[in-house]
């Protein structure tokens, strides 16, 4: 008999040395906030763009022009003293851990501190927006991402495109409260050790079932709020970069679908791919990241017989 390492339920021996049931395997996966999959795609796209020498050159020029506005914005940013003044009283007590109302109030009060870096001045926003449009960055987050890249470079990190921290409401769930066993009488003259072992097994089973039920309920609430494990295709860095490179060649370099497919098929580390597959993946990524594809590169329709 083979039992799961986590819940001790019977599992199929075909699972190999891991010996974990499917439900516990899902529980081992870490939940990510809403939009985490899109953030992984955006990070992969930026990793390809950062390899373009022309883009990095334009980014350095833009950073030098934006330094005065960045320095002024840093002066206007709330400091840690202001932050400490916001979280006095009930916000520092243990009551906040189980009180969703206090959690929401604290989240609202910390609004100015949730953004990654200072606010973008209007003059710098116009200049950065031109850069975003020129290099086909995501229209939804490109402005914030470039500004976050400048802020990171200002505090000592290498100048490169990075993904800005996305704002989302923290996951607040009711605490798991295991059901305590009820007291029972014990008489050593009547109850033999076998009876005690049977009672212990029964209490253990009831405790595990109650705990499993509460955990599943919390996971269900988290999924309703948009949290969940990342699909496997978003955890493979090589696959993400391959999809991002297709988007880069189409949106930035202006390559045709056929050229992208041929380039990937001849790559020693690539795989043979068809033109429809390339088109479908690029359009899907462009829609998710909100990256504009150059309309002038649309291939003319095929002539019918």
C-alpha atoms as a PDB file:
ATOM      1  CA  UNK A   1       0.000   0.000   0.000  1.00  0.00           C
ATOM      2  CA  UNK A   2       1.346   3.407  -0.997  1.00  0.00           C
ATOM      3  CA  UNK A   3       0.222   6.498   0.877  1.00  0.00           C
ATOM      4  CA  UNK A   4       0.493  10.191   0.039  1.00  0.00           C
ATOM      5  CA  UNK A   5       3.340  11.927   1.832  1.00  0.00           C
ATOM      6  CA  UNK A   6       1.119  14.876   2.772  1.00  0.00           C
ATOM      7  CA  UNK A   7      -2.348  13.532   3.583  1.00  0.00           C
ATOM      8  CA  UNK A   8      -1.534   9.796   3.986  1.00  0.00           C
ATOM      9  CA  UNK A   9      -4.307   8.809   1.614  1.00  0.00           C
ATOM     10  CA  UNK A  10      -3.774   5.849  -0.687  1.00  0.00           C
ATOM     11  CA  UNK A  11      -2.226   6.806  -4.039  1.00  0.00           C
ATOM     12  CA  UNK A  12      -1.362   4.892  -7.168  1.00  0.00           C
ATOM     13  CA  UNK A  13       2.138   3.361  -7.142  1.00  0.00           C
ATOM     14  CA  UNK A  14       2.542   4.657 -10.701  1.00  0.00           C
ATOM     15  CA  UNK A  15       3.296   8.103  -9.266  1.00  0.00           C
ATOM     16  CA  UNK A  16       6.927   7.120  -8.807  1.00  0.00           C
ATOM     17  CA  UNK A  17       9.097   8.126  -5.883  1.00  0.00           C
ATOM     18  CA  UNK A  18       7.201  11.372  -5.303  1.00  0.00           C
ATOM     19  CA  UNK A  19       4.125   9.635  -3.898  1.00  0.00           C
ATOM     20  CA  UNK A  20       1.900  12.692  -3.677  1.00  0.00           C
ATOM     21  CA  UNK A  21      -1.782  12.632  -4.607  1.00  0.00           C
ATOM     22  CA  UNK A  22      -3.137  15.049  -7.194  1.00  0.00           C
ATOM     23  CA  UNK A  23      -4.959  17.204  -4.623  1.00  0.00           C
ATOM     24  CA  UNK A  24      -1.857  17.664  -2.450  1.00  0.00           C
ATOM     25  CA  UNK A  25       0.223  18.324  -5.557  1.00  0.00           C
ATOM     26  CA  UNK A  26      -2.084  21.224  -6.350  1.00  0.00           C
ATOM     27  CA  UNK A  27      -1.847  22.477  -2.779  1.00  0.00           C
ATOM     28  CA  UNK A  28       1.928  22.600  -3.038  1.00  0.00           C
ATOM     29  CA  UNK A  29       1.646  25.152  -5.830  1.00  0.00           C
ATOM     30  CA  UNK A  30       2.021  28.707  -4.622  1.00  0.00           C
ATOM     31  CA  UNK A  31      -0.864  31.063  -5.372  1.00  0.00           C
ATOM     32  CA  UNK A  32      -0.015  34.174  -7.361  1.00  0.00           C
ATOM     33  CA  UNK A  33      -1.909  37.497  -7.381  1.00  0.00           C
ATOM     34  CA  UNK A  34      -4.189  38.547 -10.238  1.00  0.00           C
ATOM     35  CA  UNK A  35      -2.275  39.462 -13.377  1.00  0.00           C
ATOM     36  CA  UNK A  36       0.800  37.400 -12.492  1.00  0.00           C
ATOM     37  CA  UNK A  37       0.695  35.529 -15.802  1.00  0.00           C
ATOM     38  CA  UNK A  38       0.617  38.796 -17.753  1.00  0.00           C
ATOM     39  CA  UNK A  39       3.524  40.094 -15.655  1.00  0.00           C
ATOM     40  CA  UNK A  40       5.585  37.006 -16.573  1.00  0.00           C
ATOM     41  CA  UNK A  41       4.888  37.640 -20.268  1.00  0.00           C
ATOM     42  CA  UNK A  42       5.811  41.302 -19.911  1.00  0.00           C
ATOM     43  CA  UNK A  43       9.058  40.459 -18.132  1.00  0.00           C
ATOM     44  CA  UNK A  44       9.993  37.991 -20.869  1.00  0.00           C
ATOM     45  CA  UNK A  45       9.228  40.607 -23.536  1.00  0.00           C
ATOM     46  CA  UNK A  46      11.429  43.157 -21.779  1.00  0.00           C
ATOM     47  CA  UNK A  47      14.262  40.636 -21.487  1.00  0.00           C
ATOM     48  CA  UNK A  48      14.274  40.395 -25.289  1.00  0.00           C
ATOM     49  CA  UNK A  49      14.019  44.156 -25.754  1.00  0.00           C
ATOM     50  CA  UNK A  50      16.956  44.715 -23.400  1.00  0.00           C
ATOM     51  CA  UNK A  51      19.142  42.780 -25.838  1.00  0.00           C
ATOM     52  CA  UNK A  52      18.542  45.416 -28.530  1.00  0.00           C
ATOM     53  CA  UNK A  53      21.477  47.847 -28.510  1.00  0.00           C
ATOM     54  CA  UNK A  54      19.454  50.581 -30.219  1.00  0.00           C
ATOM     55  CA  UNK A  55      16.750  50.400 -27.552  1.00  0.00           C
ATOM     56  CA  UNK A  56      19.229  50.514 -24.674  1.00  0.00           C
ATOM     57  CA  UNK A  57      20.903  53.513 -26.317  1.00  0.00           C
ATOM     58  CA  UNK A  58      17.619  55.382 -26.626  1.00  0.00           C
ATOM     59  CA  UNK A  59      16.774  54.427 -23.057  1.00  0.00           C
ATOM     60  CA  UNK A  60      20.040  55.945 -21.778  1.00  0.00           C
ATOM     61  CA  UNK A  61      19.390  59.179 -23.673  1.00  0.00           C
ATOM     62  CA  UNK A  62      15.861  59.367 -22.310  1.00  0.00           C
ATOM     63  CA  UNK A  63      17.106  58.674 -18.779  1.00  0.00           C
ATOM     64  CA  UNK A  64      19.593  61.555 -18.937  1.00  0.00           C
ATOM     65  CA  UNK A  65      16.829  63.914 -20.064  1.00  0.00           C
ATOM     66  CA  UNK A  66      14.486  62.711 -17.324  1.00  0.00           C
ATOM     67  CA  UNK A  67      16.933  62.999 -14.425  1.00  0.00           C
ATOM     68  CA  UNK A  68      15.866  66.523 -13.326  1.00  0.00           C
ATOM     69  CA  UNK A  69      12.193  65.566 -13.279  1.00  0.00           C
ATOM     70  CA  UNK A  70      12.999  62.321 -11.465  1.00  0.00           C
ATOM     71  CA  UNK A  71      14.993  64.143  -8.771  1.00  0.00           C
ATOM     72  CA  UNK A  72      12.154  66.602  -8.209  1.00  0.00           C
ATOM     73  CA  UNK A  73       9.588  63.798  -8.020  1.00  0.00           C
ATOM     74  CA  UNK A  74      11.713  62.009  -5.419  1.00  0.00           C
ATOM     75  CA  UNK A  75      11.622  65.090  -3.209  1.00  0.00           C
ATOM     76  CA  UNK A  76       7.827  65.132  -3.320  1.00  0.00           C
ATOM     77  CA  UNK A  77       7.489  61.441  -2.463  1.00  0.00           C
ATOM     78  CA  UNK A  78       6.151  60.573   1.051  1.00  0.00           C
ATOM     79  CA  UNK A  79       8.911  59.565   3.447  1.00  0.00           C
ATOM     80  CA  UNK A  80       9.058  56.830   6.059  1.00  0.00           C
ATOM     81  CA  UNK A  81       8.115  59.260   8.847  1.00  0.00           C
ATOM     82  CA  UNK A  82       4.783  59.890   7.151  1.00  0.00           C
ATOM     83  CA  UNK A  83       4.355  56.148   6.708  1.00  0.00           C
ATOM     84  CA  UNK A  84       4.865  55.493  10.418  1.00  0.00           C
ATOM     85  CA  UNK A  85       2.185  58.061  11.245  1.00  0.00           C
ATOM     86  CA  UNK A  86      -0.377  56.191   9.173  1.00  0.00           C
ATOM     87  CA  UNK A  87      -0.103  52.840  10.926  1.00  0.00           C
ATOM     88  CA  UNK A  88      -0.671  53.711  14.571  1.00  0.00           C
ATOM     89  CA  UNK A  89      -3.253  52.291  16.926  1.00  0.00           C
ATOM     90  CA  UNK A  90      -5.292  49.286  15.755  1.00  0.00           C
ATOM     91  CA  UNK A  91      -3.213  48.857  12.611  1.00  0.00           C
ATOM     92  CA  UNK A  92      -0.265  47.604  14.676  1.00  0.00           C
ATOM     93  CA  UNK A  93      -2.280  45.123  16.753  1.00  0.00           C
ATOM     94  CA  UNK A  94      -3.017  41.495  16.113  1.00  0.00           C
ATOM     95  CA  UNK A  95      -6.661  42.390  15.463  1.00  0.00           C
ATOM     96  CA  UNK A  96      -5.821  43.365  11.893  1.00  0.00           C
ATOM     97  CA  UNK A  97      -4.875  39.778  11.041  1.00  0.00           C
ATOM     98  CA  UNK A  98      -8.487  38.641  11.264  1.00  0.00           C
ATOM     99  CA  UNK A  99     -10.326  41.883  10.543  1.00  0.00           C
ATOM    100  CA  UNK A 100     -10.962  42.515   6.856  1.00  0.00           C
ATOM    101  CA  UNK A 101     -12.350  45.998   7.546  1.00  0.00           C
ATOM    102  CA  UNK A 102      -9.091  47.130   9.159  1.00  0.00           C
ATOM    103  CA  UNK A 103      -7.154  45.526   6.315  1.00  0.00           C
ATOM    104  CA  UNK A 104      -9.055  47.549   3.714  1.00  0.00           C
ATOM    105  CA  UNK A 105      -8.654  50.778   5.708  1.00  0.00           C
ATOM    106  CA  UNK A 106      -4.915  50.247   6.002  1.00  0.00           C
ATOM    107  CA  UNK A 107      -4.665  49.414   2.318  1.00  0.00           C
ATOM    108  CA  UNK A 108      -6.441  52.656   1.442  1.00  0.00           C
ATOM    109  CA  UNK A 109      -4.241  54.731   3.778  1.00  0.00           C
ATOM    110  CA  UNK A 110      -1.059  53.252   2.274  1.00  0.00           C
ATOM    111  CA  UNK A 111      -2.078  54.278  -1.243  1.00  0.00           C
ATOM    112  CA  UNK A 112       0.810  56.740  -1.816  1.00  0.00           C
ATOM    113  CA  UNK A 113       3.330  54.105  -0.706  1.00  0.00           C
ATOM    114  CA  UNK A 114       2.124  51.215  -2.882  1.00  0.00           C
ATOM    115  CA  UNK A 115       3.493  52.634  -6.133  1.00  0.00           C
ATOM    116  CA  UNK A 116       6.985  51.695  -7.187  1.00  0.00           C
ATOM    117  CA  UNK A 117       8.820  54.997  -7.225  1.00  0.00           C
ATOM    118  CA  UNK A 118       7.646  58.603  -7.386  1.00  0.00           C
ATOM    119  CA  UNK A 119       4.820  59.935  -9.526  1.00  0.00           C
ATOM    120  CA  UNK A 120       5.547  60.806 -13.151  1.00  0.00           C
ATOM    121  CA  UNK A 121       5.622  64.558 -13.928  1.00  0.00           C
ATOM    122  CA  UNK A 122       3.507  65.544 -16.965  1.00  0.00           C
ATOM    123  CA  UNK A 123       6.516  66.675 -19.017  1.00  0.00           C
ATOM    124  CA  UNK A 124       8.314  63.387 -18.434  1.00  0.00           C
ATOM    125  CA  UNK A 125       5.152  61.418 -19.191  1.00  0.00           C
ATOM    126  CA  UNK A 126       4.954  62.971 -22.657  1.00  0.00           C
ATOM    127  CA  UNK A 127       8.589  62.200 -23.387  1.00  0.00           C
ATOM    128  CA  UNK A 128       8.325  58.617 -22.131  1.00  0.00           C
ATOM    129  CA  UNK A 129       5.083  58.042 -24.040  1.00  0.00           C
ATOM    130  CA  UNK A 130       6.914  58.748 -27.286  1.00  0.00           C
ATOM    131  CA  UNK A 131       9.530  56.169 -26.349  1.00  0.00           C
ATOM    132  CA  UNK A 132       6.780  53.644 -25.533  1.00  0.00           C
ATOM    133  CA  UNK A 133       5.132  54.170 -28.915  1.00  0.00           C
ATOM    134  CA  UNK A 134       8.432  54.045 -30.839  1.00  0.00           C
ATOM    135  CA  UNK A 135       9.571  50.763 -29.337  1.00  0.00           C
ATOM    136  CA  UNK A 136       6.117  49.129 -29.184  1.00  0.00           C
ATOM    137  CA  UNK A 137       6.034  48.691 -25.423  1.00  0.00           C
ATOM    138  CA  UNK A 138       2.795  47.598 -23.756  1.00  0.00           C
ATOM    139  CA  UNK A 139       0.464  50.576 -23.902  1.00  0.00           C
ATOM    140  CA  UNK A 140      -1.200  49.692 -20.614  1.00  0.00           C
ATOM    141  CA  UNK A 141       1.944  49.531 -18.459  1.00  0.00           C
ATOM    142  CA  UNK A 142       4.741  50.855 -20.679  1.00  0.00           C
ATOM    143  CA  UNK A 143       4.755  54.331 -19.154  1.00  0.00           C
ATOM    144  CA  UNK A 144       4.912  53.051 -15.575  1.00  0.00           C
ATOM    145  CA  UNK A 145       7.491  50.397 -16.471  1.00  0.00           C
ATOM    146  CA  UNK A 146       9.902  52.893 -18.050  1.00  0.00           C
ATOM    147  CA  UNK A 147       9.513  55.236 -15.092  1.00  0.00           C
ATOM    148  CA  UNK A 148      10.128  52.347 -12.676  1.00  0.00           C
ATOM    149  CA  UNK A 149      13.259  51.493 -14.676  1.00  0.00           C
ATOM    150  CA  UNK A 150      14.508  55.070 -14.229  1.00  0.00           C
ATOM    151  CA  UNK A 151      13.755  55.032 -10.526  1.00  0.00           C
ATOM    152  CA  UNK A 152      15.616  51.732 -10.108  1.00  0.00           C
ATOM    153  CA  UNK A 153      18.618  53.137 -12.010  1.00  0.00           C
ATOM    154  CA  UNK A 154      18.541  56.258  -9.816  1.00  0.00           C
ATOM    155  CA  UNK A 155      19.020  54.164  -6.664  1.00  0.00           C
ATOM    156  CA  UNK A 156      21.862  52.102  -8.127  1.00  0.00           C
ATOM    157  CA  UNK A 157      20.432  49.314 -10.274  1.00  0.00           C
ATOM    158  CA  UNK A 158      21.565  48.838 -13.898  1.00  0.00           C
ATOM    159  CA  UNK A 159      19.489  50.801 -16.390  1.00  0.00           C
ATOM    160  CA  UNK A 160      17.234  48.335 -18.169  1.00  0.00           C
ATOM    161  CA  UNK A 161      13.533  47.822 -18.789  1.00  0.00           C
ATOM    162  CA  UNK A 162      11.819  46.231 -15.807  1.00  0.00           C
ATOM    163  CA  UNK A 163       8.215  45.522 -14.889  1.00  0.00           C
ATOM    164  CA  UNK A 164       6.696  47.935 -12.409  1.00  0.00           C
ATOM    165  CA  UNK A 165       5.003  46.604  -9.322  1.00  0.00           C
ATOM    166  CA  UNK A 166       1.361  46.043 -10.103  1.00  0.00           C
ATOM    167  CA  UNK A 167      -1.155  47.208  -7.531  1.00  0.00           C
ATOM    168  CA  UNK A 168      -3.648  44.661  -6.292  1.00  0.00           C
ATOM    169  CA  UNK A 169      -5.716  44.329  -3.159  1.00  0.00           C
ATOM    170  CA  UNK A 170      -3.964  42.076  -0.646  1.00  0.00           C
ATOM    171  CA  UNK A 171      -5.434  38.651  -0.133  1.00  0.00           C
ATOM    172  CA  UNK A 172      -7.336  38.698   3.161  1.00  0.00           C
ATOM    173  CA  UNK A 173      -8.940  35.416   4.211  1.00  0.00           C
ATOM    174  CA  UNK A 174     -10.535  34.276   7.471  1.00  0.00           C
ATOM    175  CA  UNK A 175      -8.077  32.341   9.633  1.00  0.00           C
ATOM    176  CA  UNK A 176      -8.281  28.560   9.717  1.00  0.00           C
ATOM    177  CA  UNK A 177      -9.589  27.487  13.127  1.00  0.00           C
ATOM    178  CA  UNK A 178      -9.255  23.718  13.638  1.00  0.00           C
ATOM    179  CA  UNK A 179     -12.073  22.125  15.564  1.00  0.00           C
ATOM    180  CA  UNK A 180     -10.933  21.169  19.068  1.00  0.00           C
ATOM    181  CA  UNK A 181     -11.725  17.610  20.193  1.00  0.00           C
ATOM    182  CA  UNK A 182     -14.421  17.193  22.831  1.00  0.00           C
ATOM    183  CA  UNK A 183     -13.396  15.906  26.292  1.00  0.00           C
ATOM    184  CA  UNK A 184     -14.127  12.269  27.080  1.00  0.00           C
ATOM    185  CA  UNK A 185     -14.036  10.187  30.299  1.00  0.00           C
ATOM    186  CA  UNK A 186     -11.253   7.720  30.832  1.00  0.00           C
ATOM    187  CA  UNK A 187     -11.175   4.741  33.188  1.00  0.00           C
ATOM    188  CA  UNK A 188      -7.974   2.639  33.133  1.00  0.00           C
ATOM    189  CA  UNK A 189      -9.842  -0.318  34.608  1.00  0.00           C
ATOM    190  CA  UNK A 190     -12.246  -0.460  31.667  1.00  0.00           C
ATOM    191  CA  UNK A 191     -10.654   1.143  28.612  1.00  0.00           C
ATOM    192  CA  UNK A 192      -7.775  -0.907  27.252  1.00  0.00           C
ATOM    193  CA  UNK A 193      -4.940   0.562  25.091  1.00  0.00           C
ATOM    194  CA  UNK A 194      -6.565  -0.716  21.898  1.00  0.00           C
ATOM    195  CA  UNK A 195      -9.656   1.358  22.666  1.00  0.00           C
ATOM    196  CA  UNK A 196      -7.523   4.449  23.207  1.00  0.00           C
ATOM    197  CA  UNK A 197      -5.699   3.887  19.914  1.00  0.00           C
ATOM    198  CA  UNK A 198      -9.005   3.521  18.105  1.00  0.00           C
ATOM    199  CA  UNK A 199     -10.238   6.766  19.689  1.00  0.00           C
ATOM    200  CA  UNK A 200      -7.000   8.522  18.754  1.00  0.00           C
ATOM    201  CA  UNK A 201      -7.316   7.397  15.133  1.00  0.00           C
ATOM    202  CA  UNK A 202     -10.908   8.635  15.058  1.00  0.00           C
ATOM    203  CA  UNK A 203      -9.958  12.050  16.477  1.00  0.00           C
ATOM    204  CA  UNK A 204      -7.050  12.355  14.053  1.00  0.00           C
ATOM    205  CA  UNK A 205      -9.297  11.551  11.096  1.00  0.00           C
ATOM    206  CA  UNK A 206     -11.912  14.082  12.208  1.00  0.00           C
ATOM    207  CA  UNK A 207      -9.253  16.741  12.751  1.00  0.00           C
ATOM    208  CA  UNK A 208      -7.758  16.164   9.281  1.00  0.00           C
ATOM    209  CA  UNK A 209     -11.152  16.208   7.565  1.00  0.00           C
ATOM    210  CA  UNK A 210     -12.143  19.455   9.276  1.00  0.00           C
ATOM    211  CA  UNK A 211      -8.783  21.043   8.438  1.00  0.00           C
ATOM    212  CA  UNK A 212      -8.984  19.915   4.805  1.00  0.00           C
ATOM    213  CA  UNK A 213     -12.484  21.328   4.473  1.00  0.00           C
ATOM    214  CA  UNK A 214     -11.456  24.734   5.820  1.00  0.00           C
ATOM    215  CA  UNK A 215      -8.326  24.885   3.675  1.00  0.00           C
ATOM    216  CA  UNK A 216     -10.302  24.051   0.531  1.00  0.00           C
ATOM    217  CA  UNK A 217     -12.804  26.766   1.434  1.00  0.00           C
ATOM    218  CA  UNK A 218      -9.999  29.357   1.784  1.00  0.00           C
ATOM    219  CA  UNK A 219      -8.477  28.292  -1.515  1.00  0.00           C
ATOM    220  CA  UNK A 220     -11.887  28.605  -3.175  1.00  0.00           C
ATOM    221  CA  UNK A 221     -12.264  32.133  -1.775  1.00  0.00           C
ATOM    222  CA  UNK A 222      -8.789  33.023  -3.051  1.00  0.00           C
ATOM    223  CA  UNK A 223      -9.658  31.793  -6.551  1.00  0.00           C
ATOM    224  CA  UNK A 224     -12.822  33.926  -6.542  1.00  0.00           C
ATOM    225  CA  UNK A 225     -10.604  36.971  -5.901  1.00  0.00           C
ATOM    226  CA  UNK A 226      -8.412  36.150  -8.885  1.00  0.00           C
ATOM    227  CA  UNK A 227      -5.552  34.392  -7.086  1.00  0.00           C
ATOM    228  CA  UNK A 228      -4.291  31.012  -8.214  1.00  0.00           C
ATOM    229  CA  UNK A 229      -1.259  28.989  -9.296  1.00  0.00           C
ATOM    230  CA  UNK A 230       0.518  29.950 -12.488  1.00  0.00           C
ATOM    231  CA  UNK A 231      -0.130  27.552 -15.392  1.00  0.00           C
ATOM    232  CA  UNK A 232       2.934  25.504 -16.383  1.00  0.00           C
ATOM    233  CA  UNK A 233       3.440  27.460 -19.633  1.00  0.00           C
ATOM    234  CA  UNK A 234       4.123  30.620 -17.605  1.00  0.00           C
ATOM    235  CA  UNK A 235       6.752  28.915 -15.437  1.00  0.00           C
ATOM    236  CA  UNK A 236       9.020  27.879 -18.322  1.00  0.00           C
ATOM    237  CA  UNK A 237      11.430  30.746 -18.916  1.00  0.00           C
ATOM    238  CA  UNK A 238      12.750  29.376 -22.218  1.00  0.00           C
ATOM    239  CA  UNK A 239       9.254  29.058 -23.715  1.00  0.00           C
ATOM    240  CA  UNK A 240       8.305  32.540 -22.540  1.00  0.00           C
ATOM    241  CA  UNK A 241      11.385  34.051 -24.174  1.00  0.00           C
ATOM    242  CA  UNK A 242      10.692  32.200 -27.414  1.00  0.00           C
ATOM    243  CA  UNK A 243       7.142  33.585 -27.556  1.00  0.00           C
ATOM    244  CA  UNK A 244       8.399  37.053 -26.599  1.00  0.00           C
ATOM    245  CA  UNK A 245      11.039  36.961 -29.342  1.00  0.00           C
ATOM    246  CA  UNK A 246       8.334  36.251 -31.911  1.00  0.00           C
ATOM    247  CA  UNK A 247       6.436  39.315 -30.736  1.00  0.00           C
ATOM    248  CA  UNK A 248       9.604  41.420 -30.826  1.00  0.00           C
ATOM    249  CA  UNK A 249      10.436  40.415 -34.379  1.00  0.00           C
ATOM    250  CA  UNK A 250       6.959  41.229 -35.573  1.00  0.00           C
ATOM    251  CA  UNK A 251       6.221  44.407 -33.583  1.00  0.00           C
ATOM    252  CA  UNK A 252       9.677  46.013 -33.454  1.00  0.00           C
ATOM    253  CA  UNK A 253      11.683  44.577 -36.348  1.00  0.00           C
ATOM    254  CA  UNK A 254       8.728  44.310 -38.695  1.00  0.00           C
ATOM    255  CA  UNK A 255       9.434  40.745 -39.791  1.00  0.00           C
ATOM    256  CA  UNK A 256       6.807  38.808 -41.712  1.00  0.00           C
ATOM    257  CA  UNK A 257       5.168  35.707 -40.298  1.00  0.00           C
ATOM    258  CA  UNK A 258       7.123  33.522 -42.697  1.00  0.00           C
ATOM    259  CA  UNK A 259      10.445  35.114 -41.763  1.00  0.00           C
ATOM    260  CA  UNK A 260       9.775  34.607 -38.056  1.00  0.00           C
ATOM    261  CA  UNK A 261       8.894  30.953 -38.598  1.00  0.00           C
ATOM    262  CA  UNK A 262      11.961  30.325 -40.754  1.00  0.00           C
ATOM    263  CA  UNK A 263      14.277  32.072 -38.294  1.00  0.00           C
ATOM    264  CA  UNK A 264      12.986  29.994 -35.399  1.00  0.00           C
ATOM    265  CA  UNK A 265      13.127  26.758 -37.385  1.00  0.00           C
ATOM    266  CA  UNK A 266      16.787  27.335 -38.328  1.00  0.00           C
ATOM    267  CA  UNK A 267      17.774  28.284 -34.783  1.00  0.00           C
ATOM    268  CA  UNK A 268      19.890  25.460 -33.225  1.00  0.00           C
ATOM    269  CA  UNK A 269      17.905  25.763 -30.000  1.00  0.00           C
ATOM    270  CA  UNK A 270      14.569  26.336 -31.703  1.00  0.00           C
ATOM    271  CA  UNK A 271      11.930  23.968 -33.045  1.00  0.00           C
ATOM    272  CA  UNK A 272      10.217  23.687 -36.382  1.00  0.00           C
ATOM    273  CA  UNK A 273       7.128  25.873 -36.337  1.00  0.00           C
ATOM    274  CA  UNK A 274       4.467  26.698 -38.899  1.00  0.00           C
ATOM    275  CA  UNK A 275       3.416  30.155 -40.062  1.00  0.00           C
ATOM    276  CA  UNK A 276      -0.148  29.886 -38.636  1.00  0.00           C
ATOM    277  CA  UNK A 277       1.304  28.900 -35.261  1.00  0.00           C
ATOM    278  CA  UNK A 278       3.554  31.952 -35.250  1.00  0.00           C
ATOM    279  CA  UNK A 279       0.719  34.252 -36.251  1.00  0.00           C
ATOM    280  CA  UNK A 280      -1.614  32.871 -33.582  1.00  0.00           C
ATOM    281  CA  UNK A 281       0.940  33.137 -30.772  1.00  0.00           C
ATOM    282  CA  UNK A 282       2.063  36.647 -31.706  1.00  0.00           C
ATOM    283  CA  UNK A 283      -1.468  37.991 -31.985  1.00  0.00           C
ATOM    284  CA  UNK A 284      -2.371  36.384 -28.644  1.00  0.00           C
ATOM    285  CA  UNK A 285       0.641  37.925 -26.903  1.00  0.00           C
ATOM    286  CA  UNK A 286      -0.006  41.303 -28.510  1.00  0.00           C
ATOM    287  CA  UNK A 287      -3.589  41.275 -27.259  1.00  0.00           C
ATOM    288  CA  UNK A 288      -2.617  40.291 -23.707  1.00  0.00           C
ATOM    289  CA  UNK A 289       0.228  42.816 -23.402  1.00  0.00           C
ATOM    290  CA  UNK A 290      -1.560  45.478 -25.449  1.00  0.00           C
ATOM    291  CA  UNK A 291       1.399  45.785 -27.829  1.00  0.00           C
ATOM    292  CA  UNK A 292       0.536  47.439 -31.155  1.00  0.00           C
ATOM    293  CA  UNK A 293       1.523  45.517 -34.270  1.00  0.00           C
ATOM    294  CA  UNK A 294       2.588  47.593 -37.235  1.00  0.00           C
ATOM    295  CA  UNK A 295      -0.417  47.692 -39.602  1.00  0.00           C
ATOM    296  CA  UNK A 296       1.852  48.377 -42.578  1.00  0.00           C
ATOM    297  CA  UNK A 297       3.309  44.887 -42.246  1.00  0.00           C
ATOM    298  CA  UNK A 298       0.044  43.074 -42.847  1.00  0.00           C
ATOM    299  CA  UNK A 299       0.639  40.584 -45.610  1.00  0.00           C
ATOM    300  CA  UNK A 300      -1.544  40.977 -48.724  1.00  0.00           C
ATOM    301  CA  UNK A 301      -4.329  38.408 -49.118  1.00  0.00           C
ATOM    302  CA  UNK A 302      -3.535  35.381 -51.233  1.00  0.00           C
ATOM    303  CA  UNK A 303      -4.816  35.380 -54.761  1.00  0.00           C
ATOM    304  CA  UNK A 304      -7.440  32.785 -55.428  1.00  0.00           C
ATOM    305  CA  UNK A 305      -6.892  30.387 -58.302  1.00  0.00           C
END
